[in-house]
Amino acid sequence: MTENLVGLFLYSVFTGNILLAYFLGMCSFVAVSKNINTAIGLGLAVVFVLTVTTPANWLIYHYLLAPGALAWAGLPDVDLSFFKFILFIAVIAAMVQAIEILIDRFSAALYAGLGVFLPLIAVNCAILGASLFMVERNQTFLESVIFGFGSGVGWLMAITSMAAIRIKLRYADPPPGMEGYALTMIVTGLMAMAFMLFSGISF
């Protein structure tokens, strides 16, 4: 059991990295990775939101929405799974609002640095994607906790690495037509290929 959980964590960080393998959460990844401190701050916020919302949405799905989930209420034939998008997003928005209040309270500089991208975590497709993957893969509650945390750590590693690389790229002299976001996209592709090298390892 422990081996499976460790393997799931390593998978979600490396070979199944939600950003570099599935390219979810690219908007804030590209926009915020210009400054390493801001990138780390947003990455930690994403880790928190993913770690909380993935298991929270697991509970909502398995005890309210899934086919037969309302058997405990005497309604075994009710299927509310079509509500999962609405309720998952509502939970994500509530968690993002909570972390926005906390960052504003304890780190005004980070709050100012993140700017509009902090509330945009609520519509970060990586956050919703993790909850939907959790449902699709029929994970247990503990697996959903590990998967959410691992996905957040993977996203944090990716955005922090990109921020560090982009600082070095300021001194580069790319060919015409490859400046700015074009070069960022090329580097993102190379990072994705590097993370895929872990696919040969048996977790």
C-alpha atoms as a PDB file:
ATOM      1  CA  MET A   1       0.000   0.000   0.000  1.00  0.00           C
ATOM      2  CA  THR A   2       2.788   2.432   0.964  1.00  0.00           C
ATOM      3  CA  GLU A   3       4.676   1.515  -2.216  1.00  0.00           C
ATOM      4  CA  ASN A   4       1.623   2.315  -4.315  1.00  0.00           C
ATOM      5  CA  LEU A   5       1.194   5.715  -2.631  1.00  0.00           C
ATOM      6  CA  VAL A   6       4.879   6.581  -3.100  1.00  0.00           C
ATOM      7  CA  GLY A   7       4.614   5.525  -6.727  1.00  0.00           C
ATOM      8  CA  LEU A   8       1.491   7.658  -7.193  1.00  0.00           C
ATOM      9  CA  PHE A   9       3.261  10.655  -5.650  1.00  0.00           C
ATOM     10  CA  LEU A  10       6.328  10.267  -7.881  1.00  0.00           C
ATOM     11  CA  TYR A  11       4.103   9.750 -10.913  1.00  0.00           C
ATOM     12  CA  SER A  12       2.102  12.917 -10.223  1.00  0.00           C
ATOM     13  CA  VAL A  13       5.299  14.944  -9.716  1.00  0.00           C
ATOM     14  CA  PHE A  14       7.310  13.659 -12.696  1.00  0.00           C
ATOM     15  CA  THR A  15       5.896  11.482 -15.490  1.00  0.00           C
ATOM     16  CA  GLY A  16       2.302  12.570 -14.898  1.00  0.00           C
ATOM     17  CA  ASN A  17       3.189  16.187 -14.127  1.00  0.00           C
ATOM     18  CA  ILE A  18      -0.112  18.011 -14.540  1.00  0.00           C
ATOM     19  CA  LEU A  19       1.570  20.959 -16.261  1.00  0.00           C
ATOM     20  CA  LEU A  20       4.333  19.388 -18.348  1.00  0.00           C
ATOM     21  CA  ALA A  21       2.533  16.153 -19.272  1.00  0.00           C
ATOM     22  CA  TYR A  22      -1.013  17.504 -19.692  1.00  0.00           C
ATOM     23  CA  PHE A  23      -0.231  21.235 -20.161  1.00  0.00           C
ATOM     24  CA  LEU A  24      -2.870  22.276 -17.634  1.00  0.00           C
ATOM     25  CA  GLY A  25      -2.370  25.607 -15.859  1.00  0.00           C
ATOM     26  CA  MET A  26      -0.252  27.092 -18.643  1.00  0.00           C
ATOM     27  CA  CYS A  27      -1.695  30.643 -18.433  1.00  0.00           C
ATOM     28  CA  SER A  28      -0.440  31.496 -14.967  1.00  0.00           C
ATOM     29  CA  PHE A  29       2.683  29.351 -15.540  1.00  0.00           C
ATOM     30  CA  VAL A  30       3.812  31.526 -18.448  1.00  0.00           C
ATOM     31  CA  ALA A  31       2.659  34.835 -16.956  1.00  0.00           C
ATOM     32  CA  VAL A  32       4.036  34.489 -13.410  1.00  0.00           C
ATOM     33  CA  SER A  33       7.314  32.657 -14.087  1.00  0.00           C
ATOM     34  CA  LYS A  34       9.223  35.892 -14.757  1.00  0.00           C
ATOM     35  CA  ASN A  35      10.140  36.349 -11.080  1.00  0.00           C
ATOM     36  CA  ILE A  36      11.351  33.456  -8.944  1.00  0.00           C
ATOM     37  CA  ASN A  37       9.887  34.692  -5.644  1.00  0.00           C
ATOM     38  CA  THR A  38       6.472  35.261  -7.183  1.00  0.00           C
ATOM     39  CA  ALA A  39       6.669  31.887  -8.934  1.00  0.00           C
ATOM     40  CA  ILE A  40       7.430  30.109  -5.652  1.00  0.00           C
ATOM     41  CA  GLY A  41       4.600  31.974  -3.908  1.00  0.00           C
ATOM     42  CA  LEU A  42       2.058  31.049  -6.557  1.00  0.00           C
ATOM     43  CA  GLY A  43       3.400  27.490  -6.682  1.00  0.00           C
ATOM     44  CA  LEU A  44       2.936  27.056  -2.937  1.00  0.00           C
ATOM     45  CA  ALA A  45      -0.589  28.468  -3.231  1.00  0.00           C
ATOM     46  CA  VAL A  46      -1.348  25.910  -5.953  1.00  0.00           C
ATOM     47  CA  VAL A  47       0.080  23.106  -3.768  1.00  0.00           C
ATOM     48  CA  PHE A  48      -2.239  24.139  -0.940  1.00  0.00           C
ATOM     49  CA  VAL A  49      -5.320  24.473  -3.136  1.00  0.00           C
ATOM     50  CA  LEU A  50      -4.717  21.143  -4.887  1.00  0.00           C
ATOM     51  CA  THR A  51      -4.014  19.305  -1.625  1.00  0.00           C
ATOM     52  CA  VAL A  52      -7.269  20.565  -0.098  1.00  0.00           C
ATOM     53  CA  THR A  53      -9.658  20.597  -3.055  1.00  0.00           C
ATOM     54  CA  THR A  54      -8.858  17.193  -4.573  1.00  0.00           C
ATOM     55  CA  PRO A  55      -9.840  15.156  -1.459  1.00  0.00           C
ATOM     56  CA  ALA A  56     -12.685  17.600  -0.679  1.00  0.00           C
ATOM     57  CA  ASN A  57     -14.099  17.020  -4.154  1.00  0.00           C
ATOM     58  CA  TRP A  58     -13.590  13.271  -3.661  1.00  0.00           C
ATOM     59  CA  LEU A  59     -15.861  13.395  -0.622  1.00  0.00           C
ATOM     60  CA  ILE A  60     -18.451  15.492  -2.454  1.00  0.00           C
ATOM     61  CA  TYR A  61     -18.449  13.173  -5.459  1.00  0.00           C
ATOM     62  CA  HIS A  62     -18.560   9.870  -3.566  1.00  0.00           C
ATOM     63  CA  TYR A  63     -21.112  10.905  -0.940  1.00  0.00           C
ATOM     64  CA  LEU A  64     -23.359  13.229  -2.946  1.00  0.00           C
ATOM     65  CA  LEU A  65     -22.893  13.036  -6.701  1.00  0.00           C
ATOM     66  CA  ALA A  66     -21.821   9.576  -7.870  1.00  0.00           C
ATOM     67  CA  PRO A  67     -24.446   7.045  -9.022  1.00  0.00           C
ATOM     68  CA  GLY A  68     -25.852   5.471  -5.848  1.00  0.00           C
ATOM     69  CA  ALA A  69     -23.952   7.893  -3.595  1.00  0.00           C
ATOM     70  CA  LEU A  70     -27.173   8.959  -1.883  1.00  0.00           C
ATOM     71  CA  ALA A  71     -28.018   5.432  -0.741  1.00  0.00           C
ATOM     72  CA  TRP A  72     -27.279   6.598   2.811  1.00  0.00           C
ATOM     73  CA  ALA A  73     -30.197   9.046   2.434  1.00  0.00           C
ATOM     74  CA  GLY A  74     -32.560   6.363   1.097  1.00  0.00           C
ATOM     75  CA  LEU A  75     -32.103   7.478  -2.562  1.00  0.00           C
ATOM     76  CA  PRO A  76     -29.979   4.705  -4.144  1.00  0.00           C
ATOM     77  CA  ASP A  77     -31.140   5.403  -7.713  1.00  0.00           C
ATOM     78  CA  VAL A  78     -30.279   9.120  -7.787  1.00  0.00           C
ATOM     79  CA  ASP A  79     -27.352  10.127 -10.005  1.00  0.00           C
ATOM     80  CA  LEU A  80     -26.154  13.728  -9.580  1.00  0.00           C
ATOM     81  CA  SER A  81     -22.780  13.269 -11.281  1.00  0.00           C
ATOM     82  CA  PHE A  82     -23.720  15.893 -13.896  1.00  0.00           C
ATOM     83  CA  PHE A  83     -23.318  18.489 -11.117  1.00  0.00           C
ATOM     84  CA  LYS A  84     -19.634  17.692 -10.588  1.00  0.00           C
ATOM     85  CA  PHE A  85     -18.272  20.580 -12.686  1.00  0.00           C
ATOM     86  CA  ILE A  86     -20.357  23.172 -10.831  1.00  0.00           C
ATOM     87  CA  LEU A  87     -19.641  21.859  -7.342  1.00  0.00           C
ATOM     88  CA  PHE A  88     -15.954  21.169  -7.987  1.00  0.00           C
ATOM     89  CA  ILE A  89     -15.464  24.738  -9.221  1.00  0.00           C
ATOM     90  CA  ALA A  90     -17.400  26.113  -6.231  1.00  0.00           C
ATOM     91  CA  VAL A  91     -15.097  24.250  -3.806  1.00  0.00           C
ATOM     92  CA  ILE A  92     -12.005  25.451  -5.701  1.00  0.00           C
ATOM     93  CA  ALA A  93     -13.237  29.057  -5.677  1.00  0.00           C
ATOM     94  CA  ALA A  94     -13.879  28.890  -1.914  1.00  0.00           C
ATOM     95  CA  MET A  95     -10.366  27.548  -1.230  1.00  0.00           C
ATOM     96  CA  VAL A  96      -8.755  30.163  -3.471  1.00  0.00           C
ATOM     97  CA  GLN A  97     -10.681  32.898  -1.681  1.00  0.00           C
ATOM     98  CA  ALA A  98      -9.418  31.576   1.651  1.00  0.00           C
ATOM     99  CA  ILE A  99      -5.787  31.493   0.558  1.00  0.00           C
ATOM    100  CA  GLU A 100      -6.114  34.947  -1.020  1.00  0.00           C
ATOM    101  CA  ILE A 101      -7.247  36.339   2.348  1.00  0.00           C
ATOM    102  CA  LEU A 102      -4.351  34.583   4.135  1.00  0.00           C
ATOM    103  CA  ILE A 103      -1.696  35.859   1.704  1.00  0.00           C
ATOM    104  CA  ASP A 104      -3.105  39.381   1.868  1.00  0.00           C
ATOM    105  CA  ARG A 105      -3.001  39.190   5.682  1.00  0.00           C
ATOM    106  CA  PHE A 106       0.509  37.751   6.110  1.00  0.00           C
ATOM    107  CA  SER A 107       2.456  38.794   2.970  1.00  0.00           C
ATOM    108  CA  ALA A 108       1.357  42.040   1.343  1.00  0.00           C
ATOM    109  CA  ALA A 109       4.411  42.006  -0.948  1.00  0.00           C
ATOM    110  CA  LEU A 110       3.587  38.545  -2.318  1.00  0.00           C
ATOM    111  CA  TYR A 111      -0.079  39.524  -2.656  1.00  0.00           C
ATOM    112  CA  ALA A 112       0.913  42.567  -4.711  1.00  0.00           C
ATOM    113  CA  GLY A 113       3.375  40.529  -6.773  1.00  0.00           C
ATOM    114  CA  LEU A 114       0.817  37.858  -7.657  1.00  0.00           C
ATOM    115  CA  GLY A 115      -1.752  40.505  -8.556  1.00  0.00           C
ATOM    116  CA  VAL A 116      -4.637  39.276 -10.664  1.00  0.00           C
ATOM    117  CA  PHE A 117      -3.114  35.785 -11.016  1.00  0.00           C
ATOM    118  CA  LEU A 118      -3.954  34.831  -7.438  1.00  0.00           C
ATOM    119  CA  PRO A 119      -7.751  34.901  -7.862  1.00  0.00           C
ATOM    120  CA  LEU A 120      -7.220  33.315 -11.286  1.00  0.00           C
ATOM    121  CA  ILE A 121      -6.125  30.116  -9.499  1.00  0.00           C
ATOM    122  CA  ALA A 122      -9.882  29.533  -9.215  1.00  0.00           C
ATOM    123  CA  VAL A 123     -10.036  29.075 -12.987  1.00  0.00           C
ATOM    124  CA  ASN A 124      -6.651  27.353 -13.269  1.00  0.00           C
ATOM    125  CA  CYS A 125      -7.466  24.252 -15.291  1.00  0.00           C
ATOM    126  CA  ALA A 126      -4.786  22.278 -13.401  1.00  0.00           C
ATOM    127  CA  ILE A 127      -6.851  22.543 -10.205  1.00  0.00           C
ATOM    128  CA  LEU A 128     -10.067  21.327 -11.829  1.00  0.00           C
ATOM    129  CA  GLY A 129      -8.125  18.796 -13.893  1.00  0.00           C
ATOM    130  CA  ALA A 130      -6.760  17.064 -10.779  1.00  0.00           C
ATOM    131  CA  SER A 131     -10.283  16.602  -9.396  1.00  0.00           C
ATOM    132  CA  LEU A 132     -11.561  15.269 -12.711  1.00  0.00           C
ATOM    133  CA  PHE A 133      -8.598  12.880 -13.038  1.00  0.00           C
ATOM    134  CA  MET A 134      -9.325  11.683  -9.503  1.00  0.00           C
ATOM    135  CA  VAL A 135     -12.883  10.757 -10.546  1.00  0.00           C
ATOM    136  CA  GLU A 136     -11.847   9.243 -13.881  1.00  0.00           C
ATOM    137  CA  ARG A 137      -9.150   7.065 -12.270  1.00  0.00           C
ATOM    138  CA  ASN A 138     -11.471   5.954  -9.454  1.00  0.00           C
ATOM    139  CA  GLN A 139      -8.958   6.785  -6.738  1.00  0.00           C
ATOM    140  CA  THR A 140      -9.480   6.143  -3.038  1.00  0.00           C
ATOM    141  CA  PHE A 141      -9.634   9.039  -0.596  1.00  0.00           C
ATOM    142  CA  LEU A 142      -5.998   8.596   0.483  1.00  0.00           C
ATOM    143  CA  GLU A 143      -4.893   8.335  -3.149  1.00  0.00           C
ATOM    144  CA  SER A 144      -6.733  11.579  -3.920  1.00  0.00           C
ATOM    145  CA  VAL A 145      -4.812  13.331  -1.108  1.00  0.00           C
ATOM    146  CA  ILE A 146      -1.458  12.045  -2.413  1.00  0.00           C
ATOM    147  CA  PHE A 147      -2.383  12.784  -6.025  1.00  0.00           C
ATOM    148  CA  GLY A 148      -3.505  16.339  -5.210  1.00  0.00           C
ATOM    149  CA  PHE A 149      -0.370  17.051  -3.184  1.00  0.00           C
ATOM    150  CA  GLY A 150       1.925  15.471  -5.777  1.00  0.00           C
ATOM    151  CA  SER A 151       0.285  17.387  -8.618  1.00  0.00           C
ATOM    152  CA  GLY A 152       0.796  20.617  -6.668  1.00  0.00           C
ATOM    153  CA  VAL A 153       4.453  19.798  -5.995  1.00  0.00           C
ATOM    154  CA  GLY A 154       4.951  18.982  -9.681  1.00  0.00           C
ATOM    155  CA  TRP A 155       3.383  22.307 -10.695  1.00  0.00           C
ATOM    156  CA  LEU A 156       5.553  24.140  -8.155  1.00  0.00           C
ATOM    157  CA  MET A 157       8.708  22.442  -9.478  1.00  0.00           C
ATOM    158  CA  ALA A 158       7.796  23.307 -13.055  1.00  0.00           C
ATOM    159  CA  ILE A 159       7.055  27.012 -12.465  1.00  0.00           C
ATOM    160  CA  THR A 160      10.083  27.481 -10.180  1.00  0.00           C
ATOM    161  CA  SER A 161      12.379  25.827 -12.728  1.00  0.00           C
ATOM    162  CA  MET A 162      10.959  27.986 -15.501  1.00  0.00           C
ATOM    163  CA  ALA A 163      11.433  31.156 -13.424  1.00  0.00           C
ATOM    164  CA  ALA A 164      15.079  30.248 -12.796  1.00  0.00           C
ATOM    165  CA  ILE A 165      15.642  29.512 -16.490  1.00  0.00           C
ATOM    166  CA  ARG A 166      13.957  32.749 -17.606  1.00  0.00           C
ATOM    167  CA  ILE A 167      16.266  34.758 -15.341  1.00  0.00           C
ATOM    168  CA  LYS A 168      19.241  33.230 -17.194  1.00  0.00           C
ATOM    169  CA  LEU A 169      17.545  33.799 -20.562  1.00  0.00           C
ATOM    170  CA  ARG A 170      17.589  37.558 -19.950  1.00  0.00           C
ATOM    171  CA  TYR A 171      21.275  37.439 -20.868  1.00  0.00           C
ATOM    172  CA  ALA A 172      20.728  35.228 -23.917  1.00  0.00           C
ATOM    173  CA  ASP A 173      20.769  36.426 -27.504  1.00  0.00           C
ATOM    174  CA  PRO A 174      18.101  34.339 -29.278  1.00  0.00           C
ATOM    175  CA  PRO A 175      17.654  34.445 -33.059  1.00  0.00           C
ATOM    176  CA  PRO A 176      15.068  36.895 -34.456  1.00  0.00           C
ATOM    177  CA  GLY A 177      11.528  35.606 -34.023  1.00  0.00           C
ATOM    178  CA  MET A 178      12.394  33.499 -30.974  1.00  0.00           C
ATOM    179  CA  GLU A 179      12.345  36.238 -28.370  1.00  0.00           C
ATOM    180  CA  GLY A 180       9.831  36.439 -25.534  1.00  0.00           C
ATOM    181  CA  TYR A 181       7.027  33.903 -25.368  1.00  0.00           C
ATOM    182  CA  ALA A 182       8.311  31.895 -28.348  1.00  0.00           C
ATOM    183  CA  LEU A 183      11.479  31.050 -26.438  1.00  0.00           C
ATOM    184  CA  THR A 184       9.436  30.371 -23.287  1.00  0.00           C
ATOM    185  CA  MET A 185       7.311  27.829 -25.164  1.00  0.00           C
ATOM    186  CA  ILE A 186      10.409  26.103 -26.554  1.00  0.00           C
ATOM    187  CA  VAL A 187      11.913  25.869 -23.062  1.00  0.00           C
ATOM    188  CA  THR A 188       8.597  24.506 -21.733  1.00  0.00           C
ATOM    189  CA  GLY A 189       8.671  21.775 -24.375  1.00  0.00           C
ATOM    190  CA  LEU A 190      12.252  20.867 -23.474  1.00  0.00           C
ATOM    191  CA  MET A 191      11.309  20.745 -19.777  1.00  0.00           C
ATOM    192  CA  ALA A 192       8.397  18.435 -20.616  1.00  0.00           C
ATOM    193  CA  MET A 193      10.766  16.128 -22.512  1.00  0.00           C
ATOM    194  CA  ALA A 194      13.171  16.140 -19.551  1.00  0.00           C
ATOM    195  CA  PHE A 195      10.402  15.160 -17.132  1.00  0.00           C
ATOM    196  CA  MET A 196       9.328  12.382 -19.518  1.00  0.00           C
ATOM    197  CA  LEU A 197      12.744  10.768 -19.064  1.00  0.00           C
ATOM    198  CA  PHE A 198      11.407   9.479 -15.726  1.00  0.00           C
ATOM    199  CA  SER A 199       8.825   7.363 -17.582  1.00  0.00           C
ATOM    200  CA  GLY A 200      11.342   4.537 -17.915  1.00  0.00           C
ATOM    201  CA  ILE A 201      11.579   4.208 -14.141  1.00  0.00           C
ATOM    202  CA  SER A 202       9.280   1.673 -12.486  1.00  0.00           C
ATOM    203  CA  PHE A 203       7.652   3.434  -9.513  1.00  0.00           C
END
